[in-house]
Amino acid sequence: MDLRDAFATNLRRLRNAKGLAQDDLAYEAGVSRSYLSQLEKGAFYASLKIIGRLADALEIEAVELLRTPPKKGARTR
């Protein structure tokens, strides 16, 4: 999984965990809903500025959006 795919997966997962619709998160982050949709599909790259705005809107640290999931069978601490 590349970083863009990890970002897209995390963004969608974290938005859903907060119970936010795409429209709501897009409004809070100051981006269009269609742009947010494309980010969640992994179609667009996000700038650091946008990652920061999305993290602020989700009330999380930006690193949570970039964290790659552990590989299957990998040991975790």
PDB file of N, CA and C in Angstrom:
ATOM      1  N   MET A   1       0.853  -1.171   0.000  1.00  0.00           N
ATOM      2  CA  MET A   1       0.000   0.000   0.000  1.00  0.00           C
ATOM      3  C   MET A   1       0.900   1.236   0.000  1.00  0.00           C
ATOM      4  N   ASP A   2       0.687   2.105  -0.965  1.00  0.00           N
ATOM      5  CA  ASP A   2       1.502   3.319  -0.990  1.00  0.00           C
ATOM      6  C   ASP A   2       0.895   4.363  -0.061  1.00  0.00           C
ATOM      7  N   LEU A   3       1.627   5.442   0.158  1.00  0.00           N
ATOM      8  CA  LEU A   3       1.219   6.462   1.121  1.00  0.00           C
ATOM      9  C   LEU A   3      -0.104   7.126   0.740  1.00  0.00           C
ATOM     10  N   ARG A   4      -0.331   7.320  -0.557  1.00  0.00           N
ATOM     11  CA  ARG A   4      -1.599   7.934  -0.982  1.00  0.00           C
ATOM     12  C   ARG A   4      -2.774   7.017  -0.645  1.00  0.00           C
ATOM     13  N   ASP A   5      -2.613   5.717  -0.848  1.00  0.00           N
ATOM     14  CA  ASP A   5      -3.681   4.772  -0.505  1.00  0.00           C
ATOM     15  C   ASP A   5      -3.913   4.727   1.006  1.00  0.00           C
ATOM     16  N   ALA A   6      -2.826   4.749   1.778  1.00  0.00           N
ATOM     17  CA  ALA A   6      -2.952   4.752   3.237  1.00  0.00           C
ATOM     18  C   ALA A   6      -3.681   6.012   3.693  1.00  0.00           C
ATOM     19  N   PHE A   7      -3.320   7.161   3.115  1.00  0.00           N
ATOM     20  CA  PHE A   7      -3.985   8.422   3.455  1.00  0.00           C
ATOM     21  C   PHE A   7      -5.475   8.344   3.150  1.00  0.00           C
ATOM     22  N   ALA A   8      -5.824   7.850   1.966  1.00  0.00           N
ATOM     23  CA  ALA A   8      -7.227   7.757   1.556  1.00  0.00           C
ATOM     24  C   ALA A   8      -8.005   6.851   2.504  1.00  0.00           C
ATOM     25  N   THR A   9      -7.434   5.713   2.833  1.00  0.00           N
ATOM     26  CA  THR A   9      -8.090   4.765   3.744  1.00  0.00           C
ATOM     27  C   THR A   9      -8.275   5.377   5.126  1.00  0.00           C
ATOM     28  N   ASN A  10      -7.223   6.002   5.643  1.00  0.00           N
ATOM     29  CA  ASN A  10      -7.299   6.613   6.970  1.00  0.00           C
ATOM     30  C   ASN A  10      -8.294   7.766   7.000  1.00  0.00           C
ATOM     31  N   LEU A  11      -8.292   8.587   5.969  1.00  0.00           N
ATOM     32  CA  LEU A  11      -9.213   9.721   5.915  1.00  0.00           C
ATOM     33  C   LEU A  11     -10.658   9.245   5.965  1.00  0.00           C
ATOM     34  N   ARG A  12     -10.982   8.273   5.159  1.00  0.00           N
ATOM     35  CA  ARG A  12     -12.346   7.726   5.120  1.00  0.00           C
ATOM     36  C   ARG A  12     -12.712   7.090   6.474  1.00  0.00           C
ATOM     37  N   ARG A  13     -11.793   6.297   7.021  1.00  0.00           N
ATOM     38  CA  ARG A  13     -12.039   5.611   8.293  1.00  0.00           C
ATOM     39  C   ARG A  13     -12.234   6.610   9.434  1.00  0.00           C
ATOM     40  N   LEU A  14     -11.365   7.604   9.523  1.00  0.00           N
ATOM     41  CA  LEU A  14     -11.441   8.577  10.606  1.00  0.00           C
ATOM     42  C   LEU A  14     -12.670   9.482  10.470  1.00  0.00           C
ATOM     43  N   ARG A  15     -13.026   9.836   9.238  1.00  0.00           N
ATOM     44  CA  ARG A  15     -14.235  10.637   9.025  1.00  0.00           C
ATOM     45  C   ARG A  15     -15.471   9.860   9.476  1.00  0.00           C
ATOM     46  N   ASN A  16     -15.544   8.598   9.080  1.00  0.00           N
ATOM     47  CA  ASN A  16     -16.677   7.758   9.474  1.00  0.00           C
ATOM     48  C   ASN A  16     -16.718   7.549  10.986  1.00  0.00           C
ATOM     49  N   ALA A  17     -15.545   7.378  11.607  1.00  0.00           N
ATOM     50  CA  ALA A  17     -15.484   7.176  13.063  1.00  0.00           C
ATOM     51  C   ALA A  17     -16.019   8.394  13.808  1.00  0.00           C
ATOM     52  N   LYS A  18     -15.852   9.580  13.235  1.00  0.00           N
ATOM     53  CA  LYS A  18     -16.375  10.807  13.843  1.00  0.00           C
ATOM     54  C   LYS A  18     -17.850  11.030  13.505  1.00  0.00           C
ATOM     55  N   GLY A  19     -18.400  10.182  12.634  1.00  0.00           N
ATOM     56  CA  GLY A  19     -19.799  10.310  12.254  1.00  0.00           C
ATOM     57  C   GLY A  19     -20.067  11.507  11.356  1.00  0.00           C
ATOM     58  N   LEU A  20     -19.047  11.917  10.586  1.00  0.00           N
ATOM     59  CA  LEU A  20     -19.191  13.079   9.708  1.00  0.00           C
ATOM     60  C   LEU A  20     -19.492  12.657   8.274  1.00  0.00           C
ATOM     61  N   ALA A  21     -20.377  13.380   7.639  1.00  0.00           N
ATOM     62  CA  ALA A  21     -20.594  13.217   6.200  1.00  0.00           C
ATOM     63  C   ALA A  21     -19.465  13.940   5.475  1.00  0.00           C
ATOM     64  N   GLN A  22     -19.242  13.591   4.229  1.00  0.00           N
ATOM     65  CA  GLN A  22     -18.217  14.278   3.447  1.00  0.00           C
ATOM     66  C   GLN A  22     -18.478  15.778   3.403  1.00  0.00           C
ATOM     67  N   ASP A  23     -19.728  16.167   3.240  1.00  0.00           N
ATOM     68  CA  ASP A  23     -20.084  17.597   3.202  1.00  0.00           C
ATOM     69  C   ASP A  23     -19.645  18.310   4.479  1.00  0.00           C
ATOM     70  N   ASP A  24     -19.874  17.665   5.620  1.00  0.00           N
ATOM     71  CA  ASP A  24     -19.542  18.281   6.905  1.00  0.00           C
ATOM     72  C   ASP A  24     -18.029  18.460   7.066  1.00  0.00           C
ATOM     73  N   LEU A  25     -17.275  17.415   6.766  1.00  0.00           N
ATOM     74  CA  LEU A  25     -15.820  17.506   6.892  1.00  0.00           C
ATOM     75  C   LEU A  25     -15.256  18.501   5.892  1.00  0.00           C
ATOM     76  N   ALA A  26     -15.765  18.476   4.675  1.00  0.00           N
ATOM     77  CA  ALA A  26     -15.283  19.415   3.656  1.00  0.00           C
ATOM     78  C   ALA A  26     -15.505  20.856   4.119  1.00  0.00           C
ATOM     79  N   TYR A  27     -16.668  21.139   4.682  1.00  0.00           N
ATOM     80  CA  TYR A  27     -16.970  22.479   5.168  1.00  0.00           C
ATOM     81  C   TYR A  27     -16.010  22.875   6.291  1.00  0.00           C
ATOM     82  N   GLU A  28     -15.825  21.981   7.259  1.00  0.00           N
ATOM     83  CA  GLU A  28     -14.947  22.267   8.400  1.00  0.00           C
ATOM     84  C   GLU A  28     -13.500  22.487   7.974  1.00  0.00           C
ATOM     85  N   ALA A  29     -13.052  21.760   6.943  1.00  0.00           N
ATOM     86  CA  ALA A  29     -11.663  21.861   6.485  1.00  0.00           C
ATOM     87  C   ALA A  29     -11.479  22.941   5.421  1.00  0.00           C
ATOM     88  N   GLY A  30     -12.572  23.487   4.922  1.00  0.00           N
ATOM     89  CA  GLY A  30     -12.480  24.528   3.904  1.00  0.00           C
ATOM     90  C   GLY A  30     -12.078  24.022   2.531  1.00  0.00           C
ATOM     91  N   VAL A  31     -12.557  22.816   2.197  1.00  0.00           N
ATOM     92  CA  VAL A  31     -12.314  22.250   0.865  1.00  0.00           C
ATOM     93  C   VAL A  31     -13.660  21.873   0.260  1.00  0.00           C
ATOM     94  N   SER A  32     -13.678  21.630  -1.030  1.00  0.00           N
ATOM     95  CA  SER A  32     -14.937  21.221  -1.656  1.00  0.00           C
ATOM     96  C   SER A  32     -15.209  19.742  -1.379  1.00  0.00           C
ATOM     97  N   ARG A  33     -16.486  19.387  -1.379  1.00  0.00           N
ATOM     98  CA  ARG A  33     -16.849  17.994  -1.158  1.00  0.00           C
ATOM     99  C   ARG A  33     -16.307  17.097  -2.250  1.00  0.00           C
ATOM    100  N   SER A  34     -16.299  17.585  -3.493  1.00  0.00           N
ATOM    101  CA  SER A  34     -15.796  16.762  -4.591  1.00  0.00           C
ATOM    102  C   SER A  34     -14.292  16.512  -4.446  1.00  0.00           C
ATOM    103  N   TYR A  35     -13.551  17.512  -3.967  1.00  0.00           N
ATOM    104  CA  TYR A  35     -12.108  17.328  -3.725  1.00  0.00           C
ATOM    105  C   TYR A  35     -11.893  16.300  -2.620  1.00  0.00           C
ATOM    106  N   LEU A  36     -12.659  16.413  -1.539  1.00  0.00           N
ATOM    107  CA  LEU A  36     -12.557  15.457  -0.439  1.00  0.00           C
ATOM    108  C   LEU A  36     -12.874  14.047  -0.928  1.00  0.00           C
ATOM    109  N   SER A  37     -13.887  13.921  -1.761  1.00  0.00           N
ATOM    110  CA  SER A  37     -14.248  12.624  -2.321  1.00  0.00           C
ATOM    111  C   SER A  37     -13.091  12.028  -3.115  1.00  0.00           C
ATOM    112  N   GLN A  38     -12.447  12.852  -3.911  1.00  0.00           N
ATOM    113  CA  GLN A  38     -11.310  12.374  -4.710  1.00  0.00           C
ATOM    114  C   GLN A  38     -10.136  11.984  -3.812  1.00  0.00           C
ATOM    115  N   LEU A  39      -9.928  12.709  -2.721  1.00  0.00           N
ATOM    116  CA  LEU A  39      -8.876  12.336  -1.766  1.00  0.00           C
ATOM    117  C   LEU A  39      -9.183  10.979  -1.144  1.00  0.00           C
ATOM    118  N   GLU A  40     -10.444  10.755  -0.776  1.00  0.00           N
ATOM    119  CA  GLU A  40     -10.831   9.482  -0.169  1.00  0.00           C
ATOM    120  C   GLU A  40     -10.735   8.317  -1.150  1.00  0.00           C
ATOM    121  N   LYS A  41     -10.833   8.596  -2.421  1.00  0.00           N
ATOM    122  CA  LYS A  41     -10.683   7.550  -3.442  1.00  0.00           C
ATOM    123  C   LYS A  41      -9.221   7.310  -3.789  1.00  0.00           C
ATOM    124  N   GLY A  42      -8.333   8.190  -3.324  1.00  0.00           N
ATOM    125  CA  GLY A  42      -6.913   8.070  -3.652  1.00  0.00           C
ATOM    126  C   GLY A  42      -6.594   8.591  -5.034  1.00  0.00           C
ATOM    127  N   ALA A  43      -7.482   9.389  -5.607  1.00  0.00           N
ATOM    128  CA  ALA A  43      -7.287   9.905  -6.958  1.00  0.00           C
ATOM    129  C   ALA A  43      -6.384  11.132  -6.983  1.00  0.00           C
ATOM    130  N   PHE A  44      -6.365  11.899  -5.892  1.00  0.00           N
ATOM    131  CA  PHE A  44      -5.559  13.120  -5.807  1.00  0.00           C
ATOM    132  C   PHE A  44      -4.538  12.998  -4.691  1.00  0.00           C
ATOM    133  N   TYR A  45      -3.436  13.713  -4.851  1.00  0.00           N
ATOM    134  CA  TYR A  45      -2.468  13.878  -3.773  1.00  0.00           C
ATOM    135  C   TYR A  45      -2.887  15.079  -2.942  1.00  0.00           C
ATOM    136  N   ALA A  46      -2.681  15.011  -1.635  1.00  0.00           N
ATOM    137  CA  ALA A  46      -3.006  16.126  -0.746  1.00  0.00           C
ATOM    138  C   ALA A  46      -1.718  16.836  -0.351  1.00  0.00           C
ATOM    139  N   SER A  47      -1.791  18.161  -0.319  1.00  0.00           N
ATOM    140  CA  SER A  47      -0.641  18.935   0.152  1.00  0.00           C
ATOM    141  C   SER A  47      -0.574  18.850   1.678  1.00  0.00           C
ATOM    142  N   LEU A  48       0.568  19.225   2.220  1.00  0.00           N
ATOM    143  CA  LEU A  48       0.710  19.248   3.674  1.00  0.00           C
ATOM    144  C   LEU A  48      -0.284  20.224   4.303  1.00  0.00           C
ATOM    145  N   LYS A  49      -0.558  21.310   3.624  1.00  0.00           N
ATOM    146  CA  LYS A  49      -1.524  22.295   4.118  1.00  0.00           C
ATOM    147  C   LYS A  49      -2.909  21.659   4.247  1.00  0.00           C
ATOM    148  N   ILE A  50      -3.321  20.914   3.241  1.00  0.00           N
ATOM    149  CA  ILE A  50      -4.639  20.257   3.266  1.00  0.00           C
ATOM    150  C   ILE A  50      -4.661  19.158   4.325  1.00  0.00           C
ATOM    151  N   ILE A  51      -3.594  18.397   4.444  1.00  0.00           N
ATOM    152  CA  ILE A  51      -3.523  17.351   5.470  1.00  0.00           C
ATOM    153  C   ILE A  51      -3.696  17.979   6.848  1.00  0.00           C
ATOM    154  N   GLY A  52      -3.043  19.112   7.069  1.00  0.00           N
ATOM    155  CA  GLY A  52      -3.174  19.811   8.345  1.00  0.00           C
ATOM    156  C   GLY A  52      -4.588  20.300   8.592  1.00  0.00           C
ATOM    157  N   ARG A  53      -5.227  20.847   7.581  1.00  0.00           N
ATOM    158  CA  ARG A  53      -6.597  21.342   7.729  1.00  0.00           C
ATOM    159  C   ARG A  53      -7.576  20.200   8.006  1.00  0.00           C
ATOM    160  N   LEU A  54      -7.388  19.074   7.329  1.00  0.00           N
ATOM    161  CA  LEU A  54      -8.249  17.916   7.567  1.00  0.00           C
ATOM    162  C   LEU A  54      -8.033  17.365   8.977  1.00  0.00           C
ATOM    163  N   ALA A  55      -6.773  17.292   9.404  1.00  0.00           N
ATOM    164  CA  ALA A  55      -6.472  16.810  10.754  1.00  0.00           C
ATOM    165  C   ALA A  55      -7.104  17.719  11.806  1.00  0.00           C
ATOM    166  N   ASP A  56      -6.995  19.022  11.604  1.00  0.00           N
ATOM    167  CA  ASP A  56      -7.619  19.958  12.544  1.00  0.00           C
ATOM    168  C   ASP A  56      -9.129  19.759  12.595  1.00  0.00           C
ATOM    169  N   ALA A  57      -9.749  19.607  11.439  1.00  0.00           N
ATOM    170  CA  ALA A  57     -11.196  19.424  11.379  1.00  0.00           C
ATOM    171  C   ALA A  57     -11.623  18.111  12.047  1.00  0.00           C
ATOM    172  N   LEU A  58     -10.767  17.088  11.946  1.00  0.00           N
ATOM    173  CA  LEU A  58     -11.059  15.791  12.558  1.00  0.00           C
ATOM    174  C   LEU A  58     -10.610  15.723  14.023  1.00  0.00           C
ATOM    175  N   GLU A  59      -9.907  16.782  14.468  1.00  0.00           N
ATOM    176  CA  GLU A  59      -9.379  16.852  15.836  1.00  0.00           C
ATOM    177  C   GLU A  59      -8.429  15.697  16.133  1.00  0.00           C
ATOM    178  N   ILE A  60      -7.493  15.489  15.205  1.00  0.00           N
ATOM    179  CA  ILE A  60      -6.475  14.445  15.346  1.00  0.00           C
ATOM    180  C   ILE A  60      -5.117  15.039  14.972  1.00  0.00           C
ATOM    181  N   GLU A  61      -4.061  14.303  15.252  1.00  0.00           N
ATOM    182  CA  GLU A  61      -2.730  14.670  14.799  1.00  0.00           C
ATOM    183  C   GLU A  61      -2.605  14.274  13.325  1.00  0.00           C
ATOM    184  N   ALA A  62      -1.948  15.103  12.550  1.00  0.00           N
ATOM    185  CA  ALA A  62      -1.819  14.848  11.107  1.00  0.00           C
ATOM    186  C   ALA A  62      -1.190  13.492  10.816  1.00  0.00           C
ATOM    187  N   VAL A  63      -0.300  13.036  11.664  1.00  0.00           N
ATOM    188  CA  VAL A  63       0.372  11.753  11.437  1.00  0.00           C
ATOM    189  C   VAL A  63      -0.630  10.594  11.360  1.00  0.00           C
ATOM    190  N   GLU A  64      -1.774  10.724  12.021  1.00  0.00           N
ATOM    191  CA  GLU A  64      -2.784   9.668  11.975  1.00  0.00           C
ATOM    192  C   GLU A  64      -3.311   9.456  10.558  1.00  0.00           C
ATOM    193  N   LEU A  65      -3.306  10.503   9.758  1.00  0.00           N
ATOM    194  CA  LEU A  65      -3.767  10.376   8.371  1.00  0.00           C
ATOM    195  C   LEU A  65      -2.729   9.695   7.487  1.00  0.00           C
ATOM    196  N   LEU A  66      -1.481   9.719   7.907  1.00  0.00           N
ATOM    197  CA  LEU A  66      -0.394   9.181   7.076  1.00  0.00           C
ATOM    198  C   LEU A  66       0.110   7.825   7.537  1.00  0.00           C
ATOM    199  N   ARG A  67      -0.356   7.371   8.665  1.00  0.00           N
ATOM    200  CA  ARG A  67       0.124   6.112   9.231  1.00  0.00           C
ATOM    201  C   ARG A  67      -0.253   4.942   8.323  1.00  0.00           C
ATOM    202  N   THR A  68       0.726   4.134   7.975  1.00  0.00           N
ATOM    203  CA  THR A  68       0.439   2.957   7.157  1.00  0.00           C
ATOM    204  C   THR A  68       0.087   1.795   8.076  1.00  0.00           C
ATOM    205  N   PRO A  69      -0.876   0.976   7.682  1.00  0.00           N
ATOM    206  CA  PRO A  69      -1.256  -0.151   8.521  1.00  0.00           C
ATOM    207  C   PRO A  69      -0.128  -1.182   8.563  1.00  0.00           C
ATOM    208  N   PRO A  70      -0.002  -1.900   9.676  1.00  0.00           N
ATOM    209  CA  PRO A  70       1.041  -2.938   9.740  1.00  0.00           C
ATOM    210  C   PRO A  70       0.762  -4.031   8.724  1.00  0.00           C
ATOM    211  N   LYS A  71       1.832  -4.614   8.214  1.00  0.00           N
ATOM    212  CA  LYS A  71       1.674  -5.714   7.264  1.00  0.00           C
ATOM    213  C   LYS A  71       1.123  -6.921   7.977  1.00  0.00           C
ATOM    214  N   LYS A  72       0.330  -7.709   7.285  1.00  0.00           N
ATOM    215  CA  LYS A  72      -0.263  -8.900   7.875  1.00  0.00           C
ATOM    216  C   LYS A  72       0.842  -9.831   8.358  1.00  0.00           C
ATOM    217  N   GLY A  73       0.667 -10.308   9.561  1.00  0.00           N
ATOM    218  CA  GLY A  73       1.658 -11.210  10.125  1.00  0.00           C
ATOM    219  C   GLY A  73       2.824 -10.502  10.799  1.00  0.00           C
ATOM    220  N   ALA A  74       2.882  -9.169  10.689  1.00  0.00           N
ATOM    221  CA  ALA A  74       3.961  -8.409  11.310  1.00  0.00           C
ATOM    222  C   ALA A  74       3.676  -8.280  12.812  1.00  0.00           C
ATOM    223  N   ARG A  75       4.719  -8.289  13.582  1.00  0.00           N
ATOM    224  CA  ARG A  75       4.577  -8.136  15.022  1.00  0.00           C
ATOM    225  C   ARG A  75       4.393  -6.670  15.372  1.00  0.00           C
ATOM    226  N   THR A  76       3.527  -6.404  16.320  1.00  0.00           N
ATOM    227  CA  THR A  76       3.339  -5.038  16.809  1.00  0.00           C
ATOM    228  C   THR A  76       3.799  -4.991  18.263  1.00  0.00           C
ATOM    229  N   ARG A  77       4.224  -3.837  18.688  1.00  0.00           N
ATOM    230  CA  ARG A  77       4.707  -3.684  20.068  1.00  0.00           C
ATOM    231  C   ARG A  77       3.581  -3.407  20.994  1.00  0.00           C
TER     232      ARG A  77
END
